Amino acid sequence: MMRKIILSKRAAGKMEKLLAYLETEWSEKVKQNFISKFDKSVKFVALYPEAAEKSAVKAGLHRCVVTKQTTFYYLFNETEIQIVTIFDTRMDPANLIEETNIIP
């Protein structure tokens, strides 16, 4: 069963900034390649949510590596996948704790 994908406000904002960065600093092609990789990753976790590694940051949180620089963190239940944040792996890992604090 394919679960519904929900982007948190934080994840949506980070995705918007990331795509703008890729387009302005790299190229439209690089941006489109990233979108393709992200879509494949999201479809994979929608079908197999437990296949991605469990995060050490919070219980119930999973992480999916999209590229060497980009990972998304998500929660799931029987019907949905909630992408909590999209994280640049070059950033301070301590920031990730703050970014996932929206989890009850």
PDB file of N, CA and C in Angstrom:
ATOM      1  N   MET A   1       0.838  -1.191   0.000  1.00  0.00           N
ATOM      2  CA  MET A   1       0.000   0.000   0.000  1.00  0.00           C
ATOM      3  C   MET A   1       0.885   1.258   0.000  1.00  0.00           C
ATOM      4  N   MET A   2       0.530   2.187  -0.857  1.00  0.00           N
ATOM      5  CA  MET A   2       1.281   3.446  -0.941  1.00  0.00           C
ATOM      6  C   MET A   2       0.708   4.428   0.075  1.00  0.00           C
ATOM      7  N   ARG A   3       1.551   4.912   0.967  1.00  0.00           N
ATOM      8  CA  ARG A   3       1.114   5.882   1.974  1.00  0.00           C
ATOM      9  C   ARG A   3       1.116   7.290   1.382  1.00  0.00           C
ATOM     10  N   LYS A   4       0.266   8.143   1.949  1.00  0.00           N
ATOM     11  CA  LYS A   4       0.207   9.547   1.544  1.00  0.00           C
ATOM     12  C   LYS A   4       1.449  10.259   2.088  1.00  0.00           C
ATOM     13  N   ILE A   5       2.036  11.134   1.287  1.00  0.00           N
ATOM     14  CA  ILE A   5       3.235  11.875   1.688  1.00  0.00           C
ATOM     15  C   ILE A   5       2.841  13.270   2.146  1.00  0.00           C
ATOM     16  N   ILE A   6       3.308  13.641   3.325  1.00  0.00           N
ATOM     17  CA  ILE A   6       3.038  14.970   3.870  1.00  0.00           C
ATOM     18  C   ILE A   6       4.374  15.628   4.199  1.00  0.00           C
ATOM     19  N   LEU A   7       4.573  16.836   3.680  1.00  0.00           N
ATOM     20  CA  LEU A   7       5.764  17.622   4.017  1.00  0.00           C
ATOM     21  C   LEU A   7       5.397  18.581   5.139  1.00  0.00           C
ATOM     22  N   SER A   8       6.168  18.593   6.214  1.00  0.00           N
ATOM     23  CA  SER A   8       5.936  19.579   7.264  1.00  0.00           C
ATOM     24  C   SER A   8       6.247  20.959   6.686  1.00  0.00           C
ATOM     25  N   LYS A   9       5.812  22.010   7.372  1.00  0.00           N
ATOM     26  CA  LYS A   9       6.127  23.372   6.915  1.00  0.00           C
ATOM     27  C   LYS A   9       7.640  23.569   6.855  1.00  0.00           C
ATOM     28  N   ARG A  10       8.343  23.026   7.843  1.00  0.00           N
ATOM     29  CA  ARG A  10       9.802  23.152   7.865  1.00  0.00           C
ATOM     30  C   ARG A  10      10.411  22.458   6.641  1.00  0.00           C
ATOM     31  N   ALA A  11       9.988  21.233   6.361  1.00  0.00           N
ATOM     32  CA  ALA A  11      10.536  20.490   5.225  1.00  0.00           C
ATOM     33  C   ALA A  11      10.225  21.197   3.907  1.00  0.00           C
ATOM     34  N   ALA A  12       9.011  21.705   3.768  1.00  0.00           N
ATOM     35  CA  ALA A  12       8.627  22.408   2.534  1.00  0.00           C
ATOM     36  C   ALA A  12       9.488  23.657   2.338  1.00  0.00           C
ATOM     37  N   GLY A  13       9.711  24.398   3.403  1.00  0.00           N
ATOM     38  CA  GLY A  13      10.540  25.606   3.324  1.00  0.00           C
ATOM     39  C   GLY A  13      11.982  25.280   2.966  1.00  0.00           C
ATOM     40  N   LYS A  14      12.508  24.224   3.581  1.00  0.00           N
ATOM     41  CA  LYS A  14      13.886  23.826   3.297  1.00  0.00           C
ATOM     42  C   LYS A  14      14.020  23.325   1.860  1.00  0.00           C
ATOM     43  N   MET A  15      13.015  22.620   1.375  1.00  0.00           N
ATOM     44  CA  MET A  15      13.047  22.126  -0.006  1.00  0.00           C
ATOM     45  C   MET A  15      13.038  23.307  -0.970  1.00  0.00           C
ATOM     46  N   GLU A  16      12.194  24.284  -0.704  1.00  0.00           N
ATOM     47  CA  GLU A  16      12.116  25.468  -1.560  1.00  0.00           C
ATOM     48  C   GLU A  16      13.473  26.176  -1.638  1.00  0.00           C
ATOM     49  N   LYS A  17      14.108  26.363  -0.486  1.00  0.00           N
ATOM     50  CA  LYS A  17      15.423  27.017  -0.450  1.00  0.00           C
ATOM     51  C   LYS A  17      16.482  26.175  -1.163  1.00  0.00           C
ATOM     52  N   LEU A  18      16.447  24.881  -0.949  1.00  0.00           N
ATOM     53  CA  LEU A  18      17.422  23.992  -1.574  1.00  0.00           C
ATOM     54  C   LEU A  18      17.297  24.021  -3.101  1.00  0.00           C
ATOM     55  N   LEU A  19      16.063  23.959  -3.609  1.00  0.00           N
ATOM     56  CA  LEU A  19      15.862  23.976  -5.059  1.00  0.00           C
ATOM     57  C   LEU A  19      16.300  25.307  -5.662  1.00  0.00           C
ATOM     58  N   ALA A  20      16.017  26.398  -4.975  1.00  0.00           N
ATOM     59  CA  ALA A  20      16.450  27.717  -5.457  1.00  0.00           C
ATOM     60  C   ALA A  20      17.973  27.784  -5.486  1.00  0.00           C
ATOM     61  N   TYR A  21      18.614  27.271  -4.444  1.00  0.00           N
ATOM     62  CA  TYR A  21      20.074  27.245  -4.394  1.00  0.00           C
ATOM     63  C   TYR A  21      20.659  26.425  -5.544  1.00  0.00           C
ATOM     64  N   LEU A  22      20.116  25.224  -5.748  1.00  0.00           N
ATOM     65  CA  LEU A  22      20.639  24.361  -6.819  1.00  0.00           C
ATOM     66  C   LEU A  22      20.517  25.027  -8.185  1.00  0.00           C
ATOM     67  N   GLU A  23      19.395  25.698  -8.404  1.00  0.00           N
ATOM     68  CA  GLU A  23      19.179  26.337  -9.700  1.00  0.00           C
ATOM     69  C   GLU A  23      20.100  27.544  -9.898  1.00  0.00           C
ATOM     70  N   THR A  24      20.243  28.380  -8.871  1.00  0.00           N
ATOM     71  CA  THR A  24      21.037  29.598  -9.046  1.00  0.00           C
ATOM     72  C   THR A  24      22.538  29.331  -8.975  1.00  0.00           C
ATOM     73  N   GLU A  25      22.967  28.426  -8.092  1.00  0.00           N
ATOM     74  CA  GLU A  25      24.399  28.179  -7.913  1.00  0.00           C
ATOM     75  C   GLU A  25      24.939  27.079  -8.823  1.00  0.00           C
ATOM     76  N   TRP A  26      24.071  26.198  -9.296  1.00  0.00           N
ATOM     77  CA  TRP A  26      24.517  25.095 -10.145  1.00  0.00           C
ATOM     78  C   TRP A  26      23.847  25.198 -11.502  1.00  0.00           C
ATOM     79  N   SER A  27      22.693  24.528 -11.681  1.00  0.00           N
ATOM     80  CA  SER A  27      21.993  24.627 -12.964  1.00  0.00           C
ATOM     81  C   SER A  27      20.610  23.999 -12.830  1.00  0.00           C
ATOM     82  N   GLU A  28      19.778  24.263 -13.815  1.00  0.00           N
ATOM     83  CA  GLU A  28      18.442  23.658 -13.863  1.00  0.00           C
ATOM     84  C   GLU A  28      18.569  22.130 -13.923  1.00  0.00           C
ATOM     85  N   LYS A  29      19.566  21.647 -14.652  1.00  0.00           N
ATOM     86  CA  LYS A  29      19.759  20.197 -14.779  1.00  0.00           C
ATOM     87  C   LYS A  29      20.089  19.560 -13.420  1.00  0.00           C
ATOM     88  N   VAL A  30      20.965  20.202 -12.659  1.00  0.00           N
ATOM     89  CA  VAL A  30      21.323  19.699 -11.324  1.00  0.00           C
ATOM     90  C   VAL A  30      20.078  19.681 -10.439  1.00  0.00           C
ATOM     91  N   LYS A  31      19.287  20.741 -10.523  1.00  0.00           N
ATOM     92  CA  LYS A  31      18.051  20.811  -9.741  1.00  0.00           C
ATOM     93  C   LYS A  31      17.112  19.676 -10.129  1.00  0.00           C
ATOM     94  N   GLN A  32      16.917  19.450 -11.411  1.00  0.00           N
ATOM     95  CA  GLN A  32      16.024  18.384 -11.879  1.00  0.00           C
ATOM     96  C   GLN A  32      16.536  16.995 -11.472  1.00  0.00           C
ATOM     97  N   ASN A  33      17.849  16.802 -11.514  1.00  0.00           N
ATOM     98  CA  ASN A  33      18.430  15.531 -11.068  1.00  0.00           C
ATOM     99  C   ASN A  33      18.149  15.297  -9.587  1.00  0.00           C
ATOM    100  N   PHE A  34      18.277  16.355  -8.787  1.00  0.00           N
ATOM    101  CA  PHE A  34      17.990  16.229  -7.357  1.00  0.00           C
ATOM    102  C   PHE A  34      16.511  15.881  -7.145  1.00  0.00           C
ATOM    103  N   ILE A  35      15.620  16.575  -7.848  1.00  0.00           N
ATOM    104  CA  ILE A  35      14.181  16.306  -7.715  1.00  0.00           C
ATOM    105  C   ILE A  35      13.888  14.847  -8.047  1.00  0.00           C
ATOM    106  N   SER A  36      14.519  14.341  -9.082  1.00  0.00           N
ATOM    107  CA  SER A  36      14.328  12.949  -9.477  1.00  0.00           C
ATOM    108  C   SER A  36      14.792  11.990  -8.371  1.00  0.00           C
ATOM    109  N   LYS A  37      15.958  12.240  -7.803  1.00  0.00           N
ATOM    110  CA  LYS A  37      16.479  11.403  -6.716  1.00  0.00           C
ATOM    111  C   LYS A  37      15.583  11.489  -5.487  1.00  0.00           C
ATOM    112  N   PHE A  38      15.127  12.705  -5.169  1.00  0.00           N
ATOM    113  CA  PHE A  38      14.251  12.895  -4.010  1.00  0.00           C
ATOM    114  C   PHE A  38      12.941  12.130  -4.211  1.00  0.00           C
ATOM    115  N   ASP A  39      12.348  12.263  -5.400  1.00  0.00           N
ATOM    116  CA  ASP A  39      11.093  11.561  -5.698  1.00  0.00           C
ATOM    117  C   ASP A  39      11.250  10.048  -5.569  1.00  0.00           C
ATOM    118  N   LYS A  40      12.352   9.506  -6.085  1.00  0.00           N
ATOM    119  CA  LYS A  40      12.606   8.061  -5.973  1.00  0.00           C
ATOM    120  C   LYS A  40      12.702   7.643  -4.508  1.00  0.00           C
ATOM    121  N   SER A  41      13.407   8.440  -3.716  1.00  0.00           N
ATOM    122  CA  SER A  41      13.572   8.137  -2.296  1.00  0.00           C
ATOM    123  C   SER A  41      12.232   8.173  -1.561  1.00  0.00           C
ATOM    124  N   VAL A  42      11.424   9.179  -1.859  1.00  0.00           N
ATOM    125  CA  VAL A  42      10.115   9.312  -1.209  1.00  0.00           C
ATOM    126  C   VAL A  42       9.207   8.140  -1.595  1.00  0.00           C
ATOM    127  N   LYS A  43       9.207   7.784  -2.868  1.00  0.00           N
ATOM    128  CA  LYS A  43       8.377   6.643  -3.304  1.00  0.00           C
ATOM    129  C   LYS A  43       8.824   5.351  -2.634  1.00  0.00           C
ATOM    130  N   PHE A  44      10.127   5.188  -2.469  1.00  0.00           N
ATOM    131  CA  PHE A  44      10.651   3.999  -1.809  1.00  0.00           C
ATOM    132  C   PHE A  44      10.174   3.924  -0.355  1.00  0.00           C
ATOM    133  N   VAL A  45      10.314   5.037   0.396  1.00  0.00           N
ATOM    134  CA  VAL A  45       9.892   4.987   1.799  1.00  0.00           C
ATOM    135  C   VAL A  45       8.372   4.920   1.933  1.00  0.00           C
ATOM    136  N   ALA A  46       7.656   5.417   0.938  1.00  0.00           N
ATOM    137  CA  ALA A  46       6.195   5.306   0.975  1.00  0.00           C
ATOM    138  C   ALA A  46       5.772   3.834   0.896  1.00  0.00           C
ATOM    139  N   LEU A  47       6.517   3.058   0.134  1.00  0.00           N
ATOM    140  CA  LEU A  47       6.219   1.619   0.006  1.00  0.00           C
ATOM    141  C   LEU A  47       6.854   0.793   1.125  1.00  0.00           C
ATOM    142  N   TYR A  48       8.062   1.162   1.525  1.00  0.00           N
ATOM    143  CA  TYR A  48       8.820   0.394   2.518  1.00  0.00           C
ATOM    144  C   TYR A  48       9.351   1.317   3.626  1.00  0.00           C
ATOM    145  N   PRO A  49       8.470   1.868   4.445  1.00  0.00           N
ATOM    146  CA  PRO A  49       8.898   2.880   5.418  1.00  0.00           C
ATOM    147  C   PRO A  49       9.893   2.382   6.463  1.00  0.00           C
ATOM    148  N   GLU A  50       9.882   1.102   6.752  1.00  0.00           N
ATOM    149  CA  GLU A  50      10.802   0.590   7.767  1.00  0.00           C
ATOM    150  C   GLU A  50      12.170   0.236   7.193  1.00  0.00           C
ATOM    151  N   ALA A  51      12.306   0.298   5.881  1.00  0.00           N
ATOM    152  CA  ALA A  51      13.566  -0.075   5.242  1.00  0.00           C
ATOM    153  C   ALA A  51      14.666   0.956   5.496  1.00  0.00           C
ATOM    154  N   ALA A  52      14.293   2.208   5.658  1.00  0.00           N
ATOM    155  CA  ALA A  52      15.299   3.243   5.918  1.00  0.00           C
ATOM    156  C   ALA A  52      15.751   3.155   7.376  1.00  0.00           C
ATOM    157  N   GLU A  53      16.956   3.606   7.591  1.00  0.00           N
ATOM    158  CA  GLU A  53      17.581   3.533   8.908  1.00  0.00           C
ATOM    159  C   GLU A  53      16.801   4.325   9.956  1.00  0.00           C
ATOM    160  N   LYS A  54      16.728   3.765  11.168  1.00  0.00           N
ATOM    161  CA  LYS A  54      16.125   4.507  12.279  1.00  0.00           C
ATOM    162  C   LYS A  54      17.116   5.575  12.708  1.00  0.00           C
ATOM    163  N   SER A  55      16.584   6.731  13.041  1.00  0.00           N
ATOM    164  CA  SER A  55      17.422   7.838  13.460  1.00  0.00           C
ATOM    165  C   SER A  55      17.773   7.705  14.941  1.00  0.00           C
ATOM    166  N   ALA A  56      18.978   8.082  15.288  1.00  0.00           N
ATOM    167  CA  ALA A  56      19.388   8.096  16.692  1.00  0.00           C
ATOM    168  C   ALA A  56      18.916   9.365  17.390  1.00  0.00           C
ATOM    169  N   VAL A  57      18.379  10.305  16.626  1.00  0.00           N
ATOM    170  CA  VAL A  57      17.977  11.604  17.182  1.00  0.00           C
ATOM    171  C   VAL A  57      16.716  11.501  18.030  1.00  0.00           C
ATOM    172  N   LYS A  58      15.692  10.802  17.519  1.00  0.00           N
ATOM    173  CA  LYS A  58      14.412  10.669  18.233  1.00  0.00           C
ATOM    174  C   LYS A  58      13.807   9.305  17.946  1.00  0.00           C
ATOM    175  N   ALA A  59      13.117   8.783  18.931  1.00  0.00           N
ATOM    176  CA  ALA A  59      12.434   7.496  18.752  1.00  0.00           C
ATOM    177  C   ALA A  59      11.340   7.645  17.700  1.00  0.00           C
ATOM    178  N   GLY A  60      11.221   6.664  16.831  1.00  0.00           N
ATOM    179  CA  GLY A  60      10.188   6.674  15.801  1.00  0.00           C
ATOM    180  C   GLY A  60      10.567   7.409  14.532  1.00  0.00           C
ATOM    181  N   LEU A  61      11.672   8.120  14.573  1.00  0.00           N
ATOM    182  CA  LEU A  61      12.111   8.905  13.423  1.00  0.00           C
ATOM    183  C   LEU A  61      13.043   8.051  12.554  1.00  0.00           C
ATOM    184  N   HIS A  62      12.829   8.111  11.248  1.00  0.00           N
ATOM    185  CA  HIS A  62      13.683   7.396  10.300  1.00  0.00           C
ATOM    186  C   HIS A  62      14.380   8.413   9.413  1.00  0.00           C
ATOM    187  N   ARG A  63      15.511   7.985   8.825  1.00  0.00           N
ATOM    188  CA  ARG A  63      16.241   8.889   7.938  1.00  0.00           C
ATOM    189  C   ARG A  63      16.494   8.210   6.604  1.00  0.00           C
ATOM    190  N   CYS A  64      16.376   8.996   5.551  1.00  0.00           N
ATOM    191  CA  CYS A  64      16.604   8.489   4.209  1.00  0.00           C
ATOM    192  C   CYS A  64      17.608   9.402   3.514  1.00  0.00           C
ATOM    193  N   VAL A  65      18.716   8.836   3.079  1.00  0.00           N
ATOM    194  CA  VAL A  65      19.762   9.595   2.394  1.00  0.00           C
ATOM    195  C   VAL A  65      19.365   9.742   0.926  1.00  0.00           C
ATOM    196  N   VAL A  66      19.264  10.985   0.473  1.00  0.00           N
ATOM    197  CA  VAL A  66      18.915  11.268  -0.923  1.00  0.00           C
ATOM    198  C   VAL A  66      20.199  11.419  -1.742  1.00  0.00           C
ATOM    199  N   THR A  67      21.097  12.256  -1.240  1.00  0.00           N
ATOM    200  CA  THR A  67      22.416  12.432  -1.844  1.00  0.00           C
ATOM    201  C   THR A  67      23.419  12.484  -0.691  1.00  0.00           C
ATOM    202  N   LYS A  68      24.690  12.550  -1.021  1.00  0.00           N
ATOM    203  CA  LYS A  68      25.722  12.633   0.017  1.00  0.00           C
ATOM    204  C   LYS A  68      25.486  13.854   0.918  1.00  0.00           C
ATOM    205  N   GLN A  69      24.910  14.913   0.362  1.00  0.00           N
ATOM    206  CA  GLN A  69      24.716  16.148   1.116  1.00  0.00           C
ATOM    207  C   GLN A  69      23.328  16.297   1.731  1.00  0.00           C
ATOM    208  N   THR A  70      22.358  15.492   1.302  1.00  0.00           N
ATOM    209  CA  THR A  70      20.967  15.724   1.698  1.00  0.00           C
ATOM    210  C   THR A  70      20.294  14.456   2.216  1.00  0.00           C
ATOM    211  N   THR A  71      19.690  14.581   3.397  1.00  0.00           N
ATOM    212  CA  THR A  71      18.961  13.482   4.032  1.00  0.00           C
ATOM    213  C   THR A  71      17.620  14.028   4.485  1.00  0.00           C
ATOM    214  N   PHE A  72      16.562  13.210   4.362  1.00  0.00           N
ATOM    215  CA  PHE A  72      15.314  13.652   4.962  1.00  0.00           C
ATOM    216  C   PHE A  72      14.936  12.719   6.101  1.00  0.00           C
ATOM    217  N   TYR A  73      14.254  13.301   7.090  1.00  0.00           N
ATOM    218  CA  TYR A  73      13.830  12.574   8.282  1.00  0.00           C
ATOM    219  C   TYR A  73      12.314  12.515   8.279  1.00  0.00           C
ATOM    220  N   TYR A  74      11.784  11.353   8.632  1.00  0.00           N
ATOM    221  CA  TYR A  74      10.331  11.178   8.541  1.00  0.00           C
ATOM    222  C   TYR A  74       9.789  10.268   9.637  1.00  0.00           C
ATOM    223  N   LEU A  75       8.498  10.426   9.851  1.00  0.00           N
ATOM    224  CA  LEU A  75       7.697   9.558  10.711  1.00  0.00           C
ATOM    225  C   LEU A  75       6.667   8.890   9.818  1.00  0.00           C
ATOM    226  N   PHE A  76       6.115   7.780  10.258  1.00  0.00           N
ATOM    227  CA  PHE A  76       5.070   7.154   9.451  1.00  0.00           C
ATOM    228  C   PHE A  76       4.076   6.410  10.333  1.00  0.00           C
ATOM    229  N   ASN A  77       2.884   6.222   9.749  1.00  0.00           N
ATOM    230  CA  ASN A  77       1.879   5.356  10.357  1.00  0.00           C
ATOM    231  C   ASN A  77       1.283   4.516   9.225  1.00  0.00           C
ATOM    232  N   GLU A  78       0.151   3.903   9.449  1.00  0.00           N
ATOM    233  CA  GLU A  78      -0.441   3.009   8.451  1.00  0.00           C
ATOM    234  C   GLU A  78      -0.828   3.719   7.154  1.00  0.00           C
ATOM    235  N   THR A  79      -1.133   5.016   7.233  1.00  0.00           N
ATOM    236  CA  THR A  79      -1.660   5.704   6.059  1.00  0.00           C
ATOM    237  C   THR A  79      -0.773   6.812   5.502  1.00  0.00           C
ATOM    238  N   GLU A  80       0.186   7.334   6.306  1.00  0.00           N
ATOM    239  CA  GLU A  80       0.972   8.461   5.829  1.00  0.00           C
ATOM    240  C   GLU A  80       2.442   8.412   6.230  1.00  0.00           C
ATOM    241  N   ILE A  81       3.205   9.135   5.449  1.00  0.00           N
ATOM    242  CA  ILE A  81       4.616   9.406   5.737  1.00  0.00           C
ATOM    243  C   ILE A  81       4.687  10.916   5.953  1.00  0.00           C
ATOM    244  N   GLN A  82       5.183  11.352   7.110  1.00  0.00           N
ATOM    245  CA  GLN A  82       5.361  12.783   7.333  1.00  0.00           C
ATOM    246  C   GLN A  82       6.847  13.089   7.286  1.00  0.00           C
ATOM    247  N   ILE A  83       7.247  13.857   6.283  1.00  0.00           N
ATOM    248  CA  ILE A  83       8.637  14.287   6.182  1.00  0.00           C
ATOM    249  C   ILE A  83       8.794  15.487   7.118  1.00  0.00           C
ATOM    250  N   VAL A  84       9.561  15.276   8.173  1.00  0.00           N
ATOM    251  CA  VAL A  84       9.703  16.260   9.237  1.00  0.00           C
ATOM    252  C   VAL A  84      10.666  17.371   8.840  1.00  0.00           C
ATOM    253  N   THR A  85      11.810  16.978   8.273  1.00  0.00           N
ATOM    254  CA  THR A  85      12.791  17.973   7.847  1.00  0.00           C
ATOM    255  C   THR A  85      13.682  17.394   6.754  1.00  0.00           C
ATOM    256  N   ILE A  86      14.284  18.282   6.021  1.00  0.00           N
ATOM    257  CA  ILE A  86      15.289  17.935   5.015  1.00  0.00           C
ATOM    258  C   ILE A  86      16.576  18.560   5.531  1.00  0.00           C
ATOM    259  N   PHE A  87      17.612  17.746   5.663  1.00  0.00           N
ATOM    260  CA  PHE A  87      18.809  18.195   6.365  1.00  0.00           C
ATOM    261  C   PHE A  87      20.045  18.135   5.478  1.00  0.00           C
ATOM    262  N   ASP A  88      20.807  19.216   5.493  1.00  0.00           N
ATOM    263  CA  ASP A  88      22.080  19.277   4.786  1.00  0.00           C
ATOM    264  C   ASP A  88      23.115  18.618   5.695  1.00  0.00           C
ATOM    265  N   THR A  89      23.673  17.510   5.263  1.00  0.00           N
ATOM    266  CA  THR A  89      24.584  16.735   6.107  1.00  0.00           C
ATOM    267  C   THR A  89      25.891  17.461   6.418  1.00  0.00           C
ATOM    268  N   ARG A  90      26.134  18.570   5.746  1.00  0.00           N
ATOM    269  CA  ARG A  90      27.348  19.347   6.029  1.00  0.00           C
ATOM    270  C   ARG A  90      27.145  20.299   7.200  1.00  0.00           C
ATOM    271  N   MET A  91      25.912  20.414   7.671  1.00  0.00           N
ATOM    272  CA  MET A  91      25.599  21.312   8.787  1.00  0.00           C
ATOM    273  C   MET A  91      25.926  20.619  10.114  1.00  0.00           C
ATOM    274  N   ASP A  92      25.950  21.400  11.172  1.00  0.00           N
ATOM    275  CA  ASP A  92      26.208  20.878  12.511  1.00  0.00           C
ATOM    276  C   ASP A  92      25.095  19.905  12.898  1.00  0.00           C
ATOM    277  N   PRO A  93      25.429  18.673  13.238  1.00  0.00           N
ATOM    278  CA  PRO A  93      24.400  17.695  13.605  1.00  0.00           C
ATOM    279  C   PRO A  93      23.529  18.137  14.784  1.00  0.00           C
ATOM    280  N   ALA A  94      24.036  19.025  15.636  1.00  0.00           N
ATOM    281  CA  ALA A  94      23.232  19.525  16.756  1.00  0.00           C
ATOM    282  C   ALA A  94      21.994  20.265  16.254  1.00  0.00           C
ATOM    283  N   ASN A  95      22.083  20.858  15.061  1.00  0.00           N
ATOM    284  CA  ASN A  95      20.918  21.557  14.485  1.00  0.00           C
ATOM    285  C   ASN A  95      19.773  20.593  14.236  1.00  0.00           C
ATOM    286  N   LEU A  96      20.093  19.338  13.970  1.00  0.00           N
ATOM    287  CA  LEU A  96      19.064  18.348  13.655  1.00  0.00           C
ATOM    288  C   LEU A  96      18.137  18.135  14.849  1.00  0.00           C
ATOM    289  N   ILE A  97      18.665  18.161  16.043  1.00  0.00           N
ATOM    290  CA  ILE A  97      17.827  17.979  17.234  1.00  0.00           C
ATOM    291  C   ILE A  97      16.784  19.075  17.296  1.00  0.00           C
ATOM    292  N   GLU A  98      17.210  20.307  17.053  1.00  0.00           N
ATOM    293  CA  GLU A  98      16.266  21.431  17.064  1.00  0.00           C
ATOM    294  C   GLU A  98      15.238  21.288  15.939  1.00  0.00           C
ATOM    295  N   GLU A  99      15.680  20.862  14.771  1.00  0.00           N
ATOM    296  CA  GLU A  99      14.780  20.743  13.630  1.00  0.00           C
ATOM    297  C   GLU A  99      13.748  19.637  13.787  1.00  0.00           C
ATOM    298  N   THR A 100      14.014  18.701  14.650  1.00  0.00           N
ATOM    299  CA  THR A 100      13.056  17.591  14.839  1.00  0.00           C
ATOM    300  C   THR A 100      12.266  17.759  16.137  1.00  0.00           C
ATOM    301  N   ASN A 101      12.371  18.892  16.797  1.00  0.00           N
ATOM    302  CA  ASN A 101      11.645  19.129  18.040  1.00  0.00           C
ATOM    303  C   ASN A 101      10.148  19.269  17.868  1.00  0.00           C
ATOM    304  N   ILE A 102       9.667  19.330  16.633  1.00  0.00           N
ATOM    305  CA  ILE A 102       8.226  19.443  16.411  1.00  0.00           C
ATOM    306  C   ILE A 102       7.527  18.108  16.662  1.00  0.00           C
ATOM    307  N   ILE A 103       8.322  17.061  16.868  1.00  0.00           N
ATOM    308  CA  ILE A 103       7.749  15.747  17.107  1.00  0.00           C
ATOM    309  C   ILE A 103       7.270  15.657  18.541  1.00  0.00           C
ATOM    310  N   PRO A 104       6.026  15.228  18.746  1.00  0.00           N
ATOM    311  CA  PRO A 104       5.523  15.117  20.127  1.00  0.00           C
ATOM    312  C   PRO A 104       6.253  14.050  20.922  1.00  0.00           C
TER     313      PRO A 104
END
